[in-house]
PDB file of all heavy atoms in Angstrom:
ATOM      1  N   VAL A   1      14.499   2.017  13.960  1.00  0.00           N
ATOM      2  CA  VAL A   1      13.441   2.362  14.923  1.00  0.00           C
ATOM      3  C   VAL A   1      12.900   3.767  14.666  1.00  0.00           C
ATOM      4  O   VAL A   1      11.710   4.041  14.853  1.00  0.00           O
ATOM      5  CB  VAL A   1      13.974   2.241  16.365  1.00  0.00           C
ATOM      6  CG1 VAL A   1      12.945   2.747  17.363  1.00  0.00           C
ATOM      7  CG2 VAL A   1      14.323   0.783  16.675  1.00  0.00           C
ATOM      8  N   PHE A   2      13.775   4.659  14.222  1.00  0.00           N
ATOM      9  CA  PHE A   2      13.350   6.019  13.890  1.00  0.00           C
ATOM     10  C   PHE A   2      12.275   5.985  12.802  1.00  0.00           C
ATOM     11  O   PHE A   2      11.302   6.746  12.845  1.00  0.00           O
ATOM     12  CB  PHE A   2      14.564   6.834  13.418  1.00  0.00           C
ATOM     13  CG  PHE A   2      14.261   8.247  13.030  1.00  0.00           C
ATOM     14  CD1 PHE A   2      14.036   9.228  13.986  1.00  0.00           C
ATOM     15  CD2 PHE A   2      14.210   8.608  11.680  1.00  0.00           C
ATOM     16  CE1 PHE A   2      13.764  10.538  13.612  1.00  0.00           C
ATOM     17  CE2 PHE A   2      13.941   9.911  11.302  1.00  0.00           C
ATOM     18  CZ  PHE A   2      13.717  10.886  12.278  1.00  0.00           C
ATOM     19  N   GLY A   3      12.448   5.106  11.838  1.00  0.00           N
ATOM     20  CA  GLY A   3      11.456   4.966  10.781  1.00  0.00           C
ATOM     21  C   GLY A   3      10.137   4.434  11.294  1.00  0.00           C
ATOM     22  O   GLY A   3       9.063   4.906  10.902  1.00  0.00           O
ATOM     23  N   HIS A   4      10.205   3.441  12.188  1.00  0.00           N
ATOM     24  CA  HIS A   4       8.977   2.876  12.752  1.00  0.00           C
ATOM     25  C   HIS A   4       8.202   3.936  13.547  1.00  0.00           C
ATOM     26  O   HIS A   4       6.971   4.014  13.464  1.00  0.00           O
ATOM     27  CB  HIS A   4       9.304   1.689  13.651  1.00  0.00           C
ATOM     28  CG  HIS A   4       9.920   0.540  12.913  1.00  0.00           C
ATOM     29  ND1 HIS A   4       9.394   0.033  11.746  1.00  0.00           N
ATOM     30  CD2 HIS A   4      11.027  -0.213  13.182  1.00  0.00           C
ATOM     31  CE1 HIS A   4      10.139  -0.979  11.325  1.00  0.00           C
ATOM     32  NE2 HIS A   4      11.147  -1.147  12.181  1.00  0.00           N
ATOM     33  N   LYS A   5       8.924   4.735  14.304  1.00  0.00           N
ATOM     34  CA  LYS A   5       8.258   5.783  15.095  1.00  0.00           C
ATOM     35  C   LYS A   5       7.582   6.798  14.190  1.00  0.00           C
ATOM     36  O   LYS A   5       6.471   7.252  14.471  1.00  0.00           O
ATOM     37  CB  LYS A   5       9.271   6.463  16.008  1.00  0.00           C
ATOM     38  CG  LYS A   5       9.744   5.587  17.160  1.00  0.00           C
ATOM     39  CD  LYS A   5      10.758   6.301  18.050  1.00  0.00           C
ATOM     40  CE  LYS A   5      11.173   5.416  19.217  1.00  0.00           C
ATOM     41  NZ  LYS A   5      12.200   6.066  20.071  1.00  0.00           N
ATOM     42  N   ASN A   6       8.239   7.168  13.090  1.00  0.00           N
ATOM     43  CA  ASN A   6       7.641   8.116  12.163  1.00  0.00           C
ATOM     44  C   ASN A   6       6.510   7.484  11.361  1.00  0.00           C
ATOM     45  O   ASN A   6       5.633   8.190  10.868  1.00  0.00           O
ATOM     46  CB  ASN A   6       8.709   8.678  11.227  1.00  0.00           C
ATOM     47  CG  ASN A   6       9.510   9.790  11.876  1.00  0.00           C
ATOM     48  OD1 ASN A   6       9.148  10.967  11.812  1.00  0.00           O
ATOM     49  ND2 ASN A   6      10.598   9.428  12.548  1.00  0.00           N
ATOM     50  N   GLY A   7       6.536   6.158  11.260  1.00  0.00           N
ATOM     51  CA  GLY A   7       5.460   5.468  10.574  1.00  0.00           C
ATOM     52  C   GLY A   7       4.133   5.576  11.291  1.00  0.00           C
ATOM     53  O   GLY A   7       3.063   5.422  10.681  1.00  0.00           O
ATOM     54  N   VAL A   8       4.161   5.860  12.599  1.00  0.00           N
ATOM     55  CA  VAL A   8       2.923   6.022  13.369  1.00  0.00           C
ATOM     56  C   VAL A   8       2.110   7.201  12.829  1.00  0.00           C
ATOM     57  O   VAL A   8       0.875   7.150  12.784  1.00  0.00           O
ATOM     58  CB  VAL A   8       3.235   6.214  14.869  1.00  0.00           C
ATOM     59  CG1 VAL A   8       1.967   6.544  15.651  1.00  0.00           C
ATOM     60  CG2 VAL A   8       3.884   4.959  15.438  1.00  0.00           C
ATOM     61  N   SER A   9       2.788   8.247  12.393  1.00  0.00           N
ATOM     62  CA  SER A   9       2.085   9.405  11.824  1.00  0.00           C
ATOM     63  C   SER A   9       1.356   9.014  10.540  1.00  0.00           C
ATOM     64  O   SER A   9       0.253   9.502  10.272  1.00  0.00           O
ATOM     65  CB  SER A   9       3.083  10.534  11.528  1.00  0.00           C
ATOM     66  OG  SER A   9       3.673  11.006  12.717  1.00  0.00           O
ATOM     67  N   ALA A  10       1.965   8.129   9.762  1.00  0.00           N
ATOM     68  CA  ALA A  10       1.324   7.659   8.538  1.00  0.00           C
ATOM     69  C   ALA A  10       0.103   6.799   8.861  1.00  0.00           C
ATOM     70  O   ALA A  10      -0.909   6.845   8.145  1.00  0.00           O
ATOM     71  CB  ALA A  10       2.321   6.879   7.692  1.00  0.00           C
ATOM     72  N   VAL A  11       0.195   6.015   9.934  1.00  0.00           N
ATOM     73  CA  VAL A  11      -0.978   5.242  10.378  1.00  0.00           C
ATOM     74  C   VAL A  11      -2.124   6.187  10.712  1.00  0.00           C
ATOM     75  O   VAL A  11      -3.280   5.961  10.318  1.00  0.00           O
ATOM     76  CB  VAL A  11      -0.629   4.368  11.600  1.00  0.00           C
ATOM     77  CG1 VAL A  11      -1.896   3.764  12.204  1.00  0.00           C
ATOM     78  CG2 VAL A  11       0.352   3.276  11.221  1.00  0.00           C
ATOM     79  N   ARG A  12      -1.801   7.246  11.419  1.00  0.00           N
ATOM     80  CA  ARG A  12      -2.821   8.233  11.785  1.00  0.00           C
ATOM     81  C   ARG A  12      -3.434   8.876  10.537  1.00  0.00           C
ATOM     82  O   ARG A  12      -4.644   9.077  10.442  1.00  0.00           O
ATOM     83  CB  ARG A  12      -2.215   9.291  12.695  1.00  0.00           C
ATOM     84  CG  ARG A  12      -3.243  10.221  13.357  1.00  0.00           C
ATOM     85  CD  ARG A  12      -2.590  11.187  14.313  1.00  0.00           C
ATOM     86  NE  ARG A  12      -1.914  10.511  15.405  1.00  0.00           N
ATOM     87  CZ  ARG A  12      -0.593  10.520  15.580  1.00  0.00           C
ATOM     88  NH1 ARG A  12       0.190  11.166  14.727  1.00  0.00           N
ATOM     89  NH2 ARG A  12      -0.055   9.884  16.606  1.00  0.00           N
ATOM     90  N   GLU A  13      -2.583   9.188   9.554  1.00  0.00           N
ATOM     91  CA  GLU A  13      -3.067   9.772   8.301  1.00  0.00           C
ATOM     92  C   GLU A  13      -4.032   8.821   7.594  1.00  0.00           C
ATOM     93  O   GLU A  13      -5.095   9.227   7.122  1.00  0.00           O
ATOM     94  CB  GLU A  13      -1.882  10.079   7.384  1.00  0.00           C
ATOM     95  CG  GLU A  13      -1.217  11.407   7.649  1.00  0.00           C
ATOM     96  CD  GLU A  13      -2.061  12.578   7.168  1.00  0.00           C
ATOM     97  OE1 GLU A  13      -2.419  12.627   5.985  1.00  0.00           O
ATOM     98  OE2 GLU A  13      -2.371  13.450   8.006  1.00  0.00           O
ATOM     99  N   ALA A  14      -3.638   7.556   7.498  1.00  0.00           N
ATOM    100  CA  ALA A  14      -4.482   6.569   6.827  1.00  0.00           C
ATOM    101  C   ALA A  14      -5.813   6.408   7.542  1.00  0.00           C
ATOM    102  O   ALA A  14      -6.879   6.372   6.915  1.00  0.00           O
ATOM    103  CB  ALA A  14      -3.755   5.225   6.747  1.00  0.00           C
ATOM    104  N   LEU A  15      -5.770   6.327   8.876  1.00  0.00           N
ATOM    105  CA  LEU A  15      -6.988   6.119   9.650  1.00  0.00           C
ATOM    106  C   LEU A  15      -7.897   7.342   9.585  1.00  0.00           C
ATOM    107  O   LEU A  15      -9.119   7.218   9.397  1.00  0.00           O
ATOM    108  CB  LEU A  15      -6.636   5.791  11.094  1.00  0.00           C
ATOM    109  CG  LEU A  15      -7.797   5.484  12.035  1.00  0.00           C
ATOM    110  CD1 LEU A  15      -8.648   4.349  11.480  1.00  0.00           C
ATOM    111  CD2 LEU A  15      -7.284   5.129  13.421  1.00  0.00           C
ATOM    112  N   GLU A  16      -7.326   8.530   9.744  1.00  0.00           N
ATOM    113  CA  GLU A  16      -8.138   9.747   9.675  1.00  0.00           C
ATOM    114  C   GLU A  16      -8.742   9.922   8.282  1.00  0.00           C
ATOM    115  O   GLU A  16      -9.884  10.371   8.147  1.00  0.00           O
ATOM    116  CB  GLU A  16      -7.302  10.957  10.070  1.00  0.00           C
ATOM    117  CG  GLU A  16      -6.952  10.990  11.557  1.00  0.00           C
ATOM    118  CD  GLU A  16      -6.120  12.197  11.949  1.00  0.00           C
ATOM    119  OE1 GLU A  16      -5.740  12.988  11.044  1.00  0.00           O
ATOM    120  OE2 GLU A  16      -5.834  12.353  13.158  1.00  0.00           O
ATOM    121  N   GLY A  17      -7.979   9.546   7.254  1.00  0.00           N
ATOM    122  CA  GLY A  17      -8.516   9.608   5.899  1.00  0.00           C
ATOM    123  C   GLY A  17      -9.666   8.635   5.709  1.00  0.00           C
ATOM    124  O   GLY A  17     -10.677   8.964   5.074  1.00  0.00           O
ATOM    125  N   ALA A  18      -9.519   7.431   6.275  1.00  0.00           N
ATOM    126  CA  ALA A  18     -10.583   6.423   6.181  1.00  0.00           C
ATOM    127  C   ALA A  18     -11.854   6.918   6.860  1.00  0.00           C
ATOM    128  O   ALA A  18     -12.962   6.767   6.322  1.00  0.00           O
ATOM    129  CB  ALA A  18     -10.113   5.116   6.816  1.00  0.00           C
ATOM    130  N   VAL A  19     -11.700   7.513   8.032  1.00  0.00           N
ATOM    131  CA  VAL A  19     -12.854   8.048   8.766  1.00  0.00           C
ATOM    132  C   VAL A  19     -13.476   9.214   7.998  1.00  0.00           C
ATOM    133  O   VAL A  19     -14.709   9.341   7.904  1.00  0.00           O
ATOM    134  CB  VAL A  19     -12.431   8.487  10.179  1.00  0.00           C
ATOM    135  CG1 VAL A  19     -13.562   9.254  10.869  1.00  0.00           C
ATOM    136  CG2 VAL A  19     -12.012   7.282  11.012  1.00  0.00           C
ATOM    137  N   GLU A  20     -12.619  10.052   7.431  1.00  0.00           N
ATOM    138  CA  GLU A  20     -13.075  11.253   6.740  1.00  0.00           C
ATOM    139  C   GLU A  20     -14.017  10.947   5.582  1.00  0.00           C
ATOM    140  O   GLU A  20     -14.997  11.662   5.362  1.00  0.00           O
ATOM    141  CB  GLU A  20     -11.848  12.009   6.223  1.00  0.00           C
ATOM    142  CG  GLU A  20     -12.107  13.436   5.789  1.00  0.00           C
ATOM    143  CD  GLU A  20     -10.816  14.158   5.442  1.00  0.00           C
ATOM    144  OE1 GLU A  20      -9.794  13.923   6.114  1.00  0.00           O
ATOM    145  OE2 GLU A  20     -10.846  14.951   4.477  1.00  0.00           O
ATOM    146  N   ILE A  21     -13.731   9.878   4.850  1.00  0.00           N
ATOM    147  CA  ILE A  21     -14.584   9.578   3.696  1.00  0.00           C
ATOM    148  C   ILE A  21     -15.598   8.474   3.983  1.00  0.00           C
ATOM    149  O   ILE A  21     -16.451   8.182   3.146  1.00  0.00           O
ATOM    150  CB  ILE A  21     -13.751   9.195   2.470  1.00  0.00           C
ATOM    151  CG1 ILE A  21     -12.922   7.939   2.727  1.00  0.00           C
ATOM    152  CG2 ILE A  21     -12.890  10.350   2.015  1.00  0.00           C
ATOM    153  CD1 ILE A  21     -12.232   7.423   1.480  1.00  0.00           C
ATOM    154  N   GLY A  22     -15.498   7.839   5.165  1.00  0.00           N
ATOM    155  CA  GLY A  22     -16.509   6.860   5.554  1.00  0.00           C
ATOM    156  C   GLY A  22     -16.209   5.415   5.223  1.00  0.00           C
ATOM    157  O   GLY A  22     -17.138   4.622   5.007  1.00  0.00           O
ATOM    158  N   LEU A  23     -14.919   5.027   5.210  1.00  0.00           N
ATOM    159  CA  LEU A  23     -14.596   3.615   5.000  1.00  0.00           C
ATOM    160  C   LEU A  23     -15.062   2.778   6.189  1.00  0.00           C
ATOM    161  O   LEU A  23     -14.969   3.219   7.332  1.00  0.00           O
ATOM    162  CB  LEU A  23     -13.089   3.422   4.838  1.00  0.00           C
ATOM    163  CG  LEU A  23     -12.429   3.799   3.509  1.00  0.00           C
ATOM    164  CD1 LEU A  23     -10.955   3.413   3.551  1.00  0.00           C
ATOM    165  CD2 LEU A  23     -13.110   3.134   2.329  1.00  0.00           C
ATOM    166  N   SER A  24     -15.514   1.576   5.914  1.00  0.00           N
ATOM    167  CA  SER A  24     -15.995   0.703   6.987  1.00  0.00           C
ATOM    168  C   SER A  24     -14.875  -0.109   7.624  1.00  0.00           C
ATOM    169  O   SER A  24     -14.896  -0.353   8.834  1.00  0.00           O
ATOM    170  CB  SER A  24     -17.072  -0.248   6.451  1.00  0.00           C
ATOM    171  OG  SER A  24     -18.202   0.479   6.015  1.00  0.00           O
ATOM    172  N   TYR A  25     -13.886  -0.549   6.816  1.00  0.00           N
ATOM    173  CA  TYR A  25     -12.816  -1.406   7.332  1.00  0.00           C
ATOM    174  C   TYR A  25     -11.465  -0.964   6.772  1.00  0.00           C
ATOM    175  O   TYR A  25     -11.317  -0.753   5.570  1.00  0.00           O
ATOM    176  CB  TYR A  25     -13.048  -2.872   6.941  1.00  0.00           C
ATOM    177  CG  TYR A  25     -14.256  -3.507   7.585  1.00  0.00           C
ATOM    178  CD1 TYR A  25     -15.514  -3.421   6.987  1.00  0.00           C
ATOM    179  CD2 TYR A  25     -14.155  -4.186   8.795  1.00  0.00           C
ATOM    180  CE1 TYR A  25     -16.626  -3.992   7.574  1.00  0.00           C
ATOM    181  CE2 TYR A  25     -15.252  -4.772   9.391  1.00  0.00           C
ATOM    182  CZ  TYR A  25     -16.489  -4.663   8.778  1.00  0.00           C
ATOM    183  OH  TYR A  25     -17.590  -5.231   9.371  1.00  0.00           O
ATOM    184  N   LEU A  26     -10.491  -0.862   7.675  1.00  0.00           N
ATOM    185  CA  LEU A  26      -9.107  -0.584   7.301  1.00  0.00           C
ATOM    186  C   LEU A  26      -8.239  -1.588   8.049  1.00  0.00           C
ATOM    187  O   LEU A  26      -8.291  -1.664   9.276  1.00  0.00           O
ATOM    188  CB  LEU A  26      -8.713   0.845   7.689  1.00  0.00           C
ATOM    189  CG  LEU A  26      -7.254   1.242   7.430  1.00  0.00           C
ATOM    190  CD1 LEU A  26      -6.978   1.319   5.925  1.00  0.00           C
ATOM    191  CD2 LEU A  26      -6.927   2.578   8.094  1.00  0.00           C
ATOM    192  N   THR A  27      -7.450  -2.375   7.309  1.00  0.00           N
ATOM    193  CA  THR A  27      -6.602  -3.386   7.936  1.00  0.00           C
ATOM    194  C   THR A  27      -5.140  -3.100   7.610  1.00  0.00           C
ATOM    195  O   THR A  27      -4.779  -2.936   6.443  1.00  0.00           O
ATOM    196  CB  THR A  27      -6.976  -4.801   7.461  1.00  0.00           C
ATOM    197  OG1 THR A  27      -8.344  -5.057   7.807  1.00  0.00           O
ATOM    198  CG2 THR A  27      -6.103  -5.850   8.131  1.00  0.00           C
ATOM    199  N   LEU A  28      -4.303  -3.039   8.646  1.00  0.00           N
ATOM    200  CA  LEU A  28      -2.897  -2.687   8.495  1.00  0.00           C
ATOM    201  C   LEU A  28      -2.009  -3.871   8.868  1.00  0.00           C
ATOM    202  O   LEU A  28      -2.171  -4.454   9.945  1.00  0.00           O
ATOM    203  CB  LEU A  28      -2.555  -1.490   9.386  1.00  0.00           C
ATOM    204  CG  LEU A  28      -3.416  -0.228   9.198  1.00  0.00           C
ATOM    205  CD1 LEU A  28      -2.978   0.853  10.183  1.00  0.00           C
ATOM    206  CD2 LEU A  28      -3.333   0.279   7.768  1.00  0.00           C
ATOM    207  N   TYR A  29      -1.079  -4.197   7.989  1.00  0.00           N
ATOM    208  CA  TYR A  29      -0.115  -5.275   8.237  1.00  0.00           C
ATOM    209  C   TYR A  29       0.973  -4.695   9.131  1.00  0.00           C
ATOM    210  O   TYR A  29       1.949  -4.108   8.668  1.00  0.00           O
ATOM    211  CB  TYR A  29       0.462  -5.737   6.903  1.00  0.00           C
ATOM    212  CG  TYR A  29       1.027  -7.126   6.869  1.00  0.00           C
ATOM    213  CD1 TYR A  29       0.957  -7.992   7.957  1.00  0.00           C
ATOM    214  CD2 TYR A  29       1.624  -7.604   5.694  1.00  0.00           C
ATOM    215  CE1 TYR A  29       1.466  -9.271   7.892  1.00  0.00           C
ATOM    216  CE2 TYR A  29       2.148  -8.890   5.621  1.00  0.00           C
ATOM    217  CZ  TYR A  29       2.061  -9.722   6.707  1.00  0.00           C
ATOM    218  OH  TYR A  29       2.569 -11.001   6.634  1.00  0.00           O
ATOM    219  N   ALA A  30       0.820  -4.882  10.435  1.00  0.00           N
ATOM    220  CA  ALA A  30       1.700  -4.230  11.406  1.00  0.00           C
ATOM    221  C   ALA A  30       2.921  -5.059  11.775  1.00  0.00           C
ATOM    222  O   ALA A  30       3.996  -4.518  12.034  1.00  0.00           O
ATOM    223  CB  ALA A  30       0.908  -3.887  12.669  1.00  0.00           C
ATOM    224  N   PHE A  31       2.751  -6.402  11.819  1.00  0.00           N
ATOM    225  CA  PHE A  31       3.867  -7.267  12.232  1.00  0.00           C
ATOM    226  C   PHE A  31       3.569  -8.678  11.744  1.00  0.00           C
ATOM    227  O   PHE A  31       2.570  -9.283  12.135  1.00  0.00           O
ATOM    228  CB  PHE A  31       4.019  -7.243  13.753  1.00  0.00           C
ATOM    229  CG  PHE A  31       5.317  -7.806  14.258  1.00  0.00           C
ATOM    230  CD1 PHE A  31       6.438  -7.007  14.382  1.00  0.00           C
ATOM    231  CD2 PHE A  31       5.425  -9.148  14.615  1.00  0.00           C
ATOM    232  CE1 PHE A  31       7.649  -7.517  14.847  1.00  0.00           C
ATOM    233  CE2 PHE A  31       6.622  -9.677  15.081  1.00  0.00           C
ATOM    234  CZ  PHE A  31       7.741  -8.851  15.198  1.00  0.00           C
TER     235      PHE A  31
END
């Protein structure tokens, strides 16, 4: 669970990076 909680920061990194460069779609395999 500790890993899953820290994985949220990586989700934020991926999403902010996508927004930063202008990606239209980002899909994450969450479950």
